[in-house]
Amino acid sequence: MASTPVARLADVSQGYGSRQIIKGLDLSIEPGVTGLLGPNGAGKTTLFRTLATIAPPREGVLELFGRAVAGERDVREARRRIGYLPQDFGYYPAFSVHDFVRYCAWLREVPSAQASPATEAALSAVGLQDRAREKMKALSGGMLRRAGIAAAIVGSPSLLLLDEPTVGLDPAQRLDFRDLIRSLARAGAAVVLSTHLVEDVGAACDTVLVLREGEVVHRGAPQQLAELADPKAPGDSALERGYMTVLGKVRAAEESAC
């Protein structure tokens, strides 16, 4: 039996000013881990901002948790169940790590009786329980990224949007991160991971989407993408070569149509 989509976009267009970035996109996000690959400027961050309800669609319908997001009340209800880690996230430098994560729990309206244990659980999940009293401004780049991940997962959101979450993490921390998102998916969450690190997608994701110029040009399991690899395509693994092969075929088709 197919899973019920956690998020669905129907004929969604999105952009900024006069620039259109996403064009008539149809997409469903189901429980599990979905990897989002694409070159710079493909629309990955724009898609995340749309799914996170930060930027309402210019056209089309966004459904979250089985309900169309059509007004401020819908947005507020949806945000209680969404965890979002932007590539660059803001924080108060004087906050302690604990206070930062606890504040994000409050923003998501995690019930007060659950907020403190949820904060402790999130810090433990990213290995920052021993740094809970340190100031955010004193953290290294990798620790700061882990604090951001903790803020995104606090309260066990149903939809988790992670934009380049492993930037600054060392190899051991990246392995721990993969285990973490797999555990969240096993608990029923839909995790969407945007990254340029193709190996993270191959190791942790059930599904991979390739986005180019606001359009999904490939969707399938990581192994299916690897099987598309042209042996002559650039890349150090079958998955990387499969990704580059897909992008190359799309470019060739566009050039032949001109």
C-alpha atoms as a PDB file:
ATOM      1  CA  MET A   1       0.000   0.000   0.000  1.00  0.00           C
ATOM      2  CA  ALA A   2       1.326   3.446  -0.938  1.00  0.00           C
ATOM      3  CA  SER A   3       2.041   5.898   1.862  1.00  0.00           C
ATOM      4  CA  THR A   4      -0.081   8.990   2.246  1.00  0.00           C
ATOM      5  CA  PRO A   5       1.969  12.005   1.112  1.00  0.00           C
ATOM      6  CA  VAL A   6       3.125  14.294   3.898  1.00  0.00           C
ATOM      7  CA  ALA A   7       3.439  17.121   1.362  1.00  0.00           C
ATOM      8  CA  ARG A   8       2.107  17.574  -2.145  1.00  0.00           C
ATOM      9  CA  LEU A   9       2.616  20.332  -4.704  1.00  0.00           C
ATOM     10  CA  ALA A  10       0.148  20.543  -7.570  1.00  0.00           C
ATOM     11  CA  ASP A  11       1.106  22.716 -10.566  1.00  0.00           C
ATOM     12  CA  VAL A  12       3.115  25.013  -8.265  1.00  0.00           C
ATOM     13  CA  SER A  13       5.031  27.970  -9.669  1.00  0.00           C
ATOM     14  CA  GLN A  14       7.332  30.053  -7.518  1.00  0.00           C
ATOM     15  CA  GLY A  15       9.840  32.857  -7.907  1.00  0.00           C
ATOM     16  CA  TYR A  16      11.105  36.211  -6.711  1.00  0.00           C
ATOM     17  CA  GLY A  17      10.283  39.515  -8.359  1.00  0.00           C
ATOM     18  CA  SER A  18      10.164  38.997 -12.103  1.00  0.00           C
ATOM     19  CA  ARG A  19      12.205  35.792 -11.928  1.00  0.00           C
ATOM     20  CA  GLN A  20      10.374  32.485 -12.116  1.00  0.00           C
ATOM     21  CA  ILE A  21      12.310  29.625 -10.527  1.00  0.00           C
ATOM     22  CA  ILE A  22       9.809  26.782 -10.176  1.00  0.00           C
ATOM     23  CA  LYS A  23       7.425  26.222 -13.080  1.00  0.00           C
ATOM     24  CA  GLY A  24       4.270  24.106 -12.770  1.00  0.00           C
ATOM     25  CA  LEU A  25       5.819  21.590 -10.390  1.00  0.00           C
ATOM     26  CA  ASP A  26       3.907  18.453  -9.363  1.00  0.00           C
ATOM     27  CA  LEU A  27       5.562  16.640  -6.474  1.00  0.00           C
ATOM     28  CA  SER A  28       4.674  14.362  -3.569  1.00  0.00           C
ATOM     29  CA  ILE A  29       6.814  13.822  -0.471  1.00  0.00           C
ATOM     30  CA  GLU A  30       6.137  10.641   1.471  1.00  0.00           C
ATOM     31  CA  PRO A  31       7.452   9.320   4.805  1.00  0.00           C
ATOM     32  CA  GLY A  32      11.069   8.218   4.549  1.00  0.00           C
ATOM     33  CA  VAL A  33      14.238  10.006   3.478  1.00  0.00           C
ATOM     34  CA  THR A  34      14.237  11.896   0.178  1.00  0.00           C
ATOM     35  CA  GLY A  35      17.472  13.277  -1.226  1.00  0.00           C
ATOM     36  CA  LEU A  36      17.375  16.423  -3.334  1.00  0.00           C
ATOM     37  CA  LEU A  37      20.202  16.890  -5.824  1.00  0.00           C
ATOM     38  CA  GLY A  38      20.723  19.646  -8.352  1.00  0.00           C
ATOM     39  CA  PRO A  39      23.226  22.247  -9.512  1.00  0.00           C
ATOM     40  CA  ASN A  40      23.397  25.689  -7.937  1.00  0.00           C
ATOM     41  CA  GLY A  41      20.373  27.716  -9.022  1.00  0.00           C
ATOM     42  CA  ALA A  42      18.221  24.631  -9.662  1.00  0.00           C
ATOM     43  CA  GLY A  43      15.551  25.820  -7.215  1.00  0.00           C
ATOM     44  CA  LYS A  44      16.301  23.590  -4.225  1.00  0.00           C
ATOM     45  CA  THR A  45      16.223  26.369  -1.620  1.00  0.00           C
ATOM     46  CA  THR A  46      13.134  27.892  -3.249  1.00  0.00           C
ATOM     47  CA  LEU A  47      11.406  24.524  -3.033  1.00  0.00           C
ATOM     48  CA  PHE A  48      12.340  24.246   0.649  1.00  0.00           C
ATOM     49  CA  ARG A  49      11.036  27.732   1.398  1.00  0.00           C
ATOM     50  CA  THR A  50       7.764  26.813  -0.296  1.00  0.00           C
ATOM     51  CA  LEU A  51       7.409  23.538   1.612  1.00  0.00           C
ATOM     52  CA  ALA A  52       8.257  25.355   4.861  1.00  0.00           C
ATOM     53  CA  THR A  53       5.400  27.862   4.174  1.00  0.00           C
ATOM     54  CA  ILE A  54       7.851  30.782   4.186  1.00  0.00           C
ATOM     55  CA  ALA A  55       7.016  31.674   0.583  1.00  0.00           C
ATOM     56  CA  PRO A  56       3.444  30.875  -0.525  1.00  0.00           C
ATOM     57  CA  PRO A  57       3.151  29.530  -4.079  1.00  0.00           C
ATOM     58  CA  ARG A  58       2.539  32.109  -6.776  1.00  0.00           C
ATOM     59  CA  GLU A  59       0.368  29.584  -8.550  1.00  0.00           C
ATOM     60  CA  GLY A  60      -0.869  26.098  -7.768  1.00  0.00           C
ATOM     61  CA  VAL A  61      -1.691  24.289  -4.533  1.00  0.00           C
ATOM     62  CA  LEU A  62       0.494  23.292  -1.600  1.00  0.00           C
ATOM     63  CA  GLU A  63      -0.916  20.530   0.602  1.00  0.00           C
ATOM     64  CA  LEU A  64       0.668  19.633   3.916  1.00  0.00           C
ATOM     65  CA  PHE A  65      -0.455  16.717   6.055  1.00  0.00           C
ATOM     66  CA  GLY A  66      -3.455  16.127   3.820  1.00  0.00           C
ATOM     67  CA  ARG A  67      -4.740  19.695   3.873  1.00  0.00           C
ATOM     68  CA  ALA A  68      -4.366  22.567   1.412  1.00  0.00           C
ATOM     69  CA  VAL A  69      -2.464  25.527   2.851  1.00  0.00           C
ATOM     70  CA  ALA A  70      -4.769  28.393   1.971  1.00  0.00           C
ATOM     71  CA  GLY A  71      -4.485  30.940   4.767  1.00  0.00           C
ATOM     72  CA  GLU A  72      -2.670  32.084   7.884  1.00  0.00           C
ATOM     73  CA  ARG A  73      -4.437  29.565  10.114  1.00  0.00           C
ATOM     74  CA  ASP A  74      -3.366  26.709   7.826  1.00  0.00           C
ATOM     75  CA  VAL A  75       0.206  28.033   7.848  1.00  0.00           C
ATOM     76  CA  ARG A  76       0.353  28.191  11.637  1.00  0.00           C
ATOM     77  CA  GLU A  77      -1.015  24.673  12.050  1.00  0.00           C
ATOM     78  CA  ALA A  78       1.382  23.279   9.454  1.00  0.00           C
ATOM     79  CA  ARG A  79       4.436  24.943  11.016  1.00  0.00           C
ATOM     80  CA  ARG A  80       3.877  23.099  14.268  1.00  0.00           C
ATOM     81  CA  ARG A  81       4.775  19.922  12.385  1.00  0.00           C
ATOM     82  CA  ILE A  82       7.658  21.214  10.233  1.00  0.00           C
ATOM     83  CA  GLY A  83      11.325  21.321  11.131  1.00  0.00           C
ATOM     84  CA  TYR A  84      13.463  23.444   8.814  1.00  0.00           C
ATOM     85  CA  LEU A  85      17.219  23.941   8.755  1.00  0.00           C
ATOM     86  CA  PRO A  86      18.203  26.574   6.160  1.00  0.00           C
ATOM     87  CA  GLN A  87      21.722  26.589   4.782  1.00  0.00           C
ATOM     88  CA  ASP A  88      22.315  29.818   6.726  1.00  0.00           C
ATOM     89  CA  PHE A  89      20.194  30.066   9.877  1.00  0.00           C
ATOM     90  CA  GLY A  90      19.878  32.913  12.325  1.00  0.00           C
ATOM     91  CA  TYR A  91      20.387  32.815  16.075  1.00  0.00           C
ATOM     92  CA  TYR A  92      21.025  35.108  19.031  1.00  0.00           C
ATOM     93  CA  PRO A  93      24.796  34.875  19.690  1.00  0.00           C
ATOM     94  CA  ALA A  94      24.353  35.284  23.452  1.00  0.00           C
ATOM     95  CA  PHE A  95      21.898  32.378  23.705  1.00  0.00           C
ATOM     96  CA  SER A  96      23.213  29.173  25.162  1.00  0.00           C
ATOM     97  CA  VAL A  97      22.860  26.108  22.950  1.00  0.00           C
ATOM     98  CA  HIS A  98      20.094  24.841  25.228  1.00  0.00           C
ATOM     99  CA  ASP A  99      18.241  28.148  25.115  1.00  0.00           C
ATOM    100  CA  PHE A 100      18.483  28.282  21.318  1.00  0.00           C
ATOM    101  CA  VAL A 101      16.977  24.835  20.858  1.00  0.00           C
ATOM    102  CA  ARG A 102      14.384  25.461  23.596  1.00  0.00           C
ATOM    103  CA  TYR A 103      13.413  28.725  21.867  1.00  0.00           C
ATOM    104  CA  CYS A 104      12.899  26.875  18.585  1.00  0.00           C
ATOM    105  CA  ALA A 105      10.667  24.406  20.428  1.00  0.00           C
ATOM    106  CA  TRP A 106       8.612  27.354  21.687  1.00  0.00           C
ATOM    107  CA  LEU A 107       8.350  28.780  18.154  1.00  0.00           C
ATOM    108  CA  ARG A 108       6.990  25.437  16.966  1.00  0.00           C
ATOM    109  CA  GLU A 109       4.507  25.529  19.863  1.00  0.00           C
ATOM    110  CA  VAL A 110       5.765  22.335  21.444  1.00  0.00           C
ATOM    111  CA  PRO A 111       3.643  22.005  24.624  1.00  0.00           C
ATOM    112  CA  SER A 112       5.455  23.468  27.618  1.00  0.00           C
ATOM    113  CA  ALA A 113       5.404  20.173  29.517  1.00  0.00           C
ATOM    114  CA  GLN A 114       7.214  18.506  26.626  1.00  0.00           C
ATOM    115  CA  ALA A 115       9.565  21.302  25.587  1.00  0.00           C
ATOM    116  CA  SER A 116      12.361  20.709  28.107  1.00  0.00           C
ATOM    117  CA  PRO A 117      12.629  16.927  27.619  1.00  0.00           C
ATOM    118  CA  ALA A 118      12.318  17.430  23.862  1.00  0.00           C
ATOM    119  CA  THR A 119      15.197  19.913  23.982  1.00  0.00           C
ATOM    120  CA  GLU A 120      17.370  17.518  25.952  1.00  0.00           C
ATOM    121  CA  ALA A 121      16.553  14.689  23.530  1.00  0.00           C
ATOM    122  CA  ALA A 122      17.427  16.828  20.497  1.00  0.00           C
ATOM    123  CA  LEU A 123      20.756  17.913  21.991  1.00  0.00           C
ATOM    124  CA  SER A 124      21.593  14.314  22.858  1.00  0.00           C
ATOM    125  CA  ALA A 125      20.715  13.182  19.331  1.00  0.00           C
ATOM    126  CA  VAL A 126      23.366  15.502  17.846  1.00  0.00           C
ATOM    127  CA  GLY A 127      25.954  14.961  20.573  1.00  0.00           C
ATOM    128  CA  LEU A 128      25.738  18.419  22.124  1.00  0.00           C
ATOM    129  CA  GLN A 129      24.394  17.555  25.558  1.00  0.00           C
ATOM    130  CA  ASP A 130      27.788  18.388  27.092  1.00  0.00           C
ATOM    131  CA  ARG A 131      27.816  21.776  25.331  1.00  0.00           C
ATOM    132  CA  ALA A 132      24.292  22.807  26.290  1.00  0.00           C
ATOM    133  CA  ARG A 133      25.423  25.776  28.439  1.00  0.00           C
ATOM    134  CA  GLU A 134      27.925  27.176  25.954  1.00  0.00           C
ATOM    135  CA  LYS A 135      27.075  30.342  24.060  1.00  0.00           C
ATOM    136  CA  MET A 136      26.120  29.979  20.420  1.00  0.00           C
ATOM    137  CA  LYS A 137      28.770  32.538  19.465  1.00  0.00           C
ATOM    138  CA  ALA A 138      31.473  30.293  20.962  1.00  0.00           C
ATOM    139  CA  LEU A 139      30.683  27.232  18.837  1.00  0.00           C
ATOM    140  CA  SER A 140      32.844  25.959  16.019  1.00  0.00           C
ATOM    141  CA  GLY A 141      31.314  25.678  12.559  1.00  0.00           C
ATOM    142  CA  GLY A 142      30.566  21.971  12.954  1.00  0.00           C
ATOM    143  CA  MET A 143      29.032  22.427  16.397  1.00  0.00           C
ATOM    144  CA  LEU A 144      26.934  25.301  15.135  1.00  0.00           C
ATOM    145  CA  ARG A 145      25.607  23.074  12.357  1.00  0.00           C
ATOM    146  CA  ARG A 146      24.741  20.379  14.890  1.00  0.00           C
ATOM    147  CA  ALA A 147      22.898  22.965  16.994  1.00  0.00           C
ATOM    148  CA  GLY A 148      20.895  23.866  13.893  1.00  0.00           C
ATOM    149  CA  ILE A 149      20.024  20.214  13.319  1.00  0.00           C
ATOM    150  CA  ALA A 150      18.908  19.936  16.954  1.00  0.00           C
ATOM    151  CA  ALA A 151      16.686  22.991  16.508  1.00  0.00           C
ATOM    152  CA  ALA A 152      15.139  21.432  13.403  1.00  0.00           C
ATOM    153  CA  ILE A 153      14.354  18.063  15.013  1.00  0.00           C
ATOM    154  CA  VAL A 154      13.187  19.264  18.443  1.00  0.00           C
ATOM    155  CA  GLY A 155       9.638  18.134  19.116  1.00  0.00           C
ATOM    156  CA  SER A 156       9.799  15.353  16.477  1.00  0.00           C
ATOM    157  CA  PRO A 157       8.326  17.196  13.458  1.00  0.00           C
ATOM    158  CA  SER A 158       6.481  15.181  10.809  1.00  0.00           C
ATOM    159  CA  LEU A 159       8.230  16.972   7.935  1.00  0.00           C
ATOM    160  CA  LEU A 160      11.934  17.746   8.247  1.00  0.00           C
ATOM    161  CA  LEU A 161      13.611  19.974   5.654  1.00  0.00           C
ATOM    162  CA  LEU A 162      17.416  20.020   5.839  1.00  0.00           C
ATOM    163  CA  ASP A 163      19.400  22.260   3.489  1.00  0.00           C
ATOM    164  CA  GLU A 164      23.088  21.207   3.357  1.00  0.00           C
ATOM    165  CA  PRO A 165      22.971  19.836   6.928  1.00  0.00           C
ATOM    166  CA  THR A 166      26.360  18.097   6.864  1.00  0.00           C
ATOM    167  CA  VAL A 167      28.448  21.130   5.873  1.00  0.00           C
ATOM    168  CA  GLY A 168      31.211  21.431   8.473  1.00  0.00           C
ATOM    169  CA  LEU A 169      30.680  17.984   9.971  1.00  0.00           C
ATOM    170  CA  ASP A 170      33.612  15.609  10.160  1.00  0.00           C
ATOM    171  CA  PRO A 171      33.295  12.054   8.721  1.00  0.00           C
ATOM    172  CA  ALA A 172      32.265  10.486  12.032  1.00  0.00           C
ATOM    173  CA  GLN A 173      29.629  13.157  12.601  1.00  0.00           C
ATOM    174  CA  ARG A 174      28.267  12.627   9.096  1.00  0.00           C
ATOM    175  CA  LEU A 175      27.866   8.922   9.843  1.00  0.00           C
ATOM    176  CA  ASP A 176      26.033   9.806  13.069  1.00  0.00           C
ATOM    177  CA  PHE A 177      23.828  12.209  11.105  1.00  0.00           C
ATOM    178  CA  ARG A 178      22.857   9.491   8.648  1.00  0.00           C
ATOM    179  CA  ASP A 179      21.876   7.221  11.542  1.00  0.00           C
ATOM    180  CA  LEU A 180      19.828  10.046  13.026  1.00  0.00           C
ATOM    181  CA  ILE A 181      17.762  10.763   9.921  1.00  0.00           C
ATOM    182  CA  ARG A 182      17.184   7.050   9.350  1.00  0.00           C
ATOM    183  CA  SER A 183      15.817   6.785  12.894  1.00  0.00           C
ATOM    184  CA  LEU A 184      13.532   9.770  12.312  1.00  0.00           C
ATOM    185  CA  ALA A 185      12.228   8.158   9.134  1.00  0.00           C
ATOM    186  CA  ARG A 186      11.607   4.859  10.946  1.00  0.00           C
ATOM    187  CA  ALA A 187       9.524   6.832  13.446  1.00  0.00           C
ATOM    188  CA  GLY A 188       7.300   8.010  10.558  1.00  0.00           C
ATOM    189  CA  ALA A 189       8.777  11.381   9.574  1.00  0.00           C
ATOM    190  CA  ALA A 190       9.326  12.582   6.030  1.00  0.00           C
ATOM    191  CA  VAL A 191      12.904  13.876   5.785  1.00  0.00           C
ATOM    192  CA  VAL A 192      14.004  15.906   2.753  1.00  0.00           C
ATOM    193  CA  LEU A 193      17.757  16.339   2.494  1.00  0.00           C
ATOM    194  CA  SER A 194      19.301  18.815   0.050  1.00  0.00           C
ATOM    195  CA  THR A 195      23.020  18.347  -0.451  1.00  0.00           C
ATOM    196  CA  HIS A 196      25.883  18.462  -2.922  1.00  0.00           C
ATOM    197  CA  LEU A 197      27.399  15.425  -1.175  1.00  0.00           C
ATOM    198  CA  VAL A 198      26.084  12.627  -3.362  1.00  0.00           C
ATOM    199  CA  GLU A 199      27.475   9.934  -1.074  1.00  0.00           C
ATOM    200  CA  ASP A 200      25.164  11.104   1.737  1.00  0.00           C
ATOM    201  CA  VAL A 201      22.196  10.600  -0.573  1.00  0.00           C
ATOM    202  CA  GLY A 202      23.341   7.112  -1.544  1.00  0.00           C
ATOM    203  CA  ALA A 203      23.881   6.077   2.062  1.00  0.00           C
ATOM    204  CA  ALA A 204      20.813   7.547   3.740  1.00  0.00           C
ATOM    205  CA  CYS A 205      18.003   8.146   1.250  1.00  0.00           C
ATOM    206  CA  ASP A 206      15.144   5.948   0.060  1.00  0.00           C
ATOM    207  CA  THR A 207      14.360   8.236  -2.870  1.00  0.00           C
ATOM    208  CA  VAL A 208      16.426  10.750  -4.809  1.00  0.00           C
ATOM    209  CA  LEU A 209      15.087  13.685  -6.813  1.00  0.00           C
ATOM    210  CA  VAL A 210      17.210  15.530  -9.352  1.00  0.00           C
ATOM    211  CA  LEU A 211      16.102  19.125  -9.780  1.00  0.00           C
ATOM    212  CA  ARG A 212      17.159  21.326 -12.678  1.00  0.00           C
ATOM    213  CA  GLU A 213      15.840  24.812 -13.406  1.00  0.00           C
ATOM    214  CA  GLY A 214      12.852  24.290 -11.145  1.00  0.00           C
ATOM    215  CA  GLU A 215      11.819  20.947 -12.646  1.00  0.00           C
ATOM    216  CA  VAL A 216      12.231  17.383 -11.377  1.00  0.00           C
ATOM    217  CA  VAL A 217      14.135  15.614 -14.151  1.00  0.00           C
ATOM    218  CA  HIS A 218      14.591  12.307 -12.316  1.00  0.00           C
ATOM    219  CA  ARG A 219      12.961  10.475  -9.418  1.00  0.00           C
ATOM    220  CA  GLY A 220      13.818   7.013  -8.125  1.00  0.00           C
ATOM    221  CA  ALA A 221      15.842   4.997  -5.645  1.00  0.00           C
ATOM    222  CA  PRO A 222      19.562   5.813  -5.423  1.00  0.00           C
ATOM    223  CA  GLN A 223      20.379   2.494  -7.076  1.00  0.00           C
ATOM    224  CA  GLN A 224      18.163   3.393 -10.044  1.00  0.00           C
ATOM    225  CA  LEU A 225      20.081   6.634 -10.516  1.00  0.00           C
ATOM    226  CA  ALA A 226      23.383   4.767 -10.289  1.00  0.00           C
ATOM    227  CA  GLU A 227      22.216   2.316 -12.971  1.00  0.00           C
ATOM    228  CA  LEU A 228      21.757   5.215 -15.404  1.00  0.00           C
ATOM    229  CA  ALA A 229      25.437   6.097 -15.199  1.00  0.00           C
ATOM    230  CA  ASP A 230      27.355   6.553 -18.420  1.00  0.00           C
ATOM    231  CA  PRO A 231      30.813   5.061 -17.728  1.00  0.00           C
ATOM    232  CA  LYS A 232      32.359   8.098 -19.419  1.00  0.00           C
ATOM    233  CA  ALA A 233      30.464  10.614 -17.280  1.00  0.00           C
ATOM    234  CA  PRO A 234      32.469  12.524 -14.629  1.00  0.00           C
ATOM    235  CA  GLY A 235      32.275  11.264 -11.064  1.00  0.00           C
ATOM    236  CA  ASP A 236      34.021   9.023  -8.540  1.00  0.00           C
ATOM    237  CA  SER A 237      31.090   6.663  -7.991  1.00  0.00           C
ATOM    238  CA  ALA A 238      28.262   5.149 -10.018  1.00  0.00           C
ATOM    239  CA  LEU A 239      25.798   7.424  -8.229  1.00  0.00           C
ATOM    240  CA  GLU A 240      27.762  10.568  -9.081  1.00  0.00           C
ATOM    241  CA  ARG A 241      28.103   9.428 -12.698  1.00  0.00           C
ATOM    242  CA  GLY A 242      24.377   8.660 -12.821  1.00  0.00           C
ATOM    243  CA  TYR A 243      23.590  12.144 -11.558  1.00  0.00           C
ATOM    244  CA  MET A 244      25.885  13.762 -14.119  1.00  0.00           C
ATOM    245  CA  THR A 245      24.442  11.533 -16.855  1.00  0.00           C
ATOM    246  CA  VAL A 246      20.901  12.677 -16.093  1.00  0.00           C
ATOM    247  CA  LEU A 247      21.920  16.340 -16.164  1.00  0.00           C
ATOM    248  CA  GLY A 248      23.849  15.815 -19.388  1.00  0.00           C
ATOM    249  CA  LYS A 249      20.911  14.144 -21.135  1.00  0.00           C
ATOM    250  CA  VAL A 250      18.570  16.972 -20.129  1.00  0.00           C
ATOM    251  CA  ARG A 251      21.002  19.585 -21.462  1.00  0.00           C
ATOM    252  CA  ALA A 252      21.447  17.653 -24.721  1.00  0.00           C
ATOM    253  CA  ALA A 253      17.664  17.378 -25.188  1.00  0.00           C
ATOM    254  CA  GLU A 254      17.237  21.096 -24.620  1.00  0.00           C
ATOM    255  CA  GLU A 255      20.000  21.957 -27.075  1.00  0.00           C
ATOM    256  CA  SER A 256      18.570  19.682 -29.774  1.00  0.00           C
ATOM    257  CA  ALA A 257      15.139  21.297 -29.354  1.00  0.00           C
ATOM    258  CA  CYS A 258      16.540  24.778 -29.977  1.00  0.00           C
END
